[in-house]
């Protein structure tokens, strides 16, 4: 199979795309893949490191003030990117073009649809993004990660696949031990992680809570985010940190670490929830209030309704409230076990296989 794939801007769009590519390459040793990203997106750094052919487009998203010079430029760049994408498609001649979200995928998938190439989009969130909403009118098939997204798309095109990242995580055979971080191998461990950039209010609550966490029987790994690490360590300069607490800027090998986590505290981004459900990890979710249509809260509620997670709003977050919820779960292993089982039931361990099958169905539709 020759696949052109596009997804950009954030890891939430990029990592599902990479998981799908990895699955295709595992199944088809002769597969050819071209990844099209944006000039300024995170994908420009991540994708080439995976040994995947990468081309870029100059494109940007709309701003809320509709009639502005910036938005006129956005329209111009979109149309220019569509023309450029058409040239790429003519050269590469893909069997299928897949979009996983972000503005760049809008131009690429739209160009392919207009050229009569089989097209598929994947929506990671429970609330559909602007780009995928626009593309849904033109594509052949749509994969979704949350059942709640189904009603926001043309029903006949929708297939529930789950998030391909879940399969990638589920297939990891972890050899990781907490001893690598100077902790006890068998002591139940809480991972507190507000995303790669860190979450300011979560970090503030953790800084205030560490003196109490020092006294607990369980371990705590607090990941601040690289950008906020120095600031957090400055705040902790006069705070004793016991051997059961570890403060880190980032964890590079998250898929290997997750199977060893007893409880995770963090955001409710689509990729995070795919990883949590794939491994069946109890969670305390603190949705970011700074995302479009408050979609992280809606993502989180999918787990909360299934008794797989507890919800803590950022508005209500404090050191006492965080401590209370963490203690509640860490002191009751039976409750954690039930939540873990419920989370695992929500996981889709063959999500990448399912989305790849959707791609094959789209190709088949054009051959009939």
Foldseek 3Di string as FASTA:
>chain_A
DEEEEEFWADPLQVLLVVLLVVVCCVVDVPYAYEYEYAPPTPCVVVVVVVVHHYHYAHADDDDPPCPDPVNVVRVVSLVVLLVVLLVVCVVRVGQEYEYAYDPSSLSNQVSCLVVVHAYEYEYLFLDGDPSCLVCLVRHQAYEYADPSNCVSGDNVRYDHQHRSLLQVLLPDDAPDACVVVVADRPFAEEEEAADQQADVLSLQQCLVQQVVVLPDSGAYEYAGHQNCQVVSCVSCVVPDHHSRYHYHPDDPPVSNCVLRHQEYEYAQRSSVLLNCLSNLHEYEHAHDPPDPPSRRVVSVVVLVVLLLYHYDYSVRDHNVVVVVVVCVPSVDVVSSVSSSVSSNVSHNNCSSVRVVVSRVVSSVVSVD
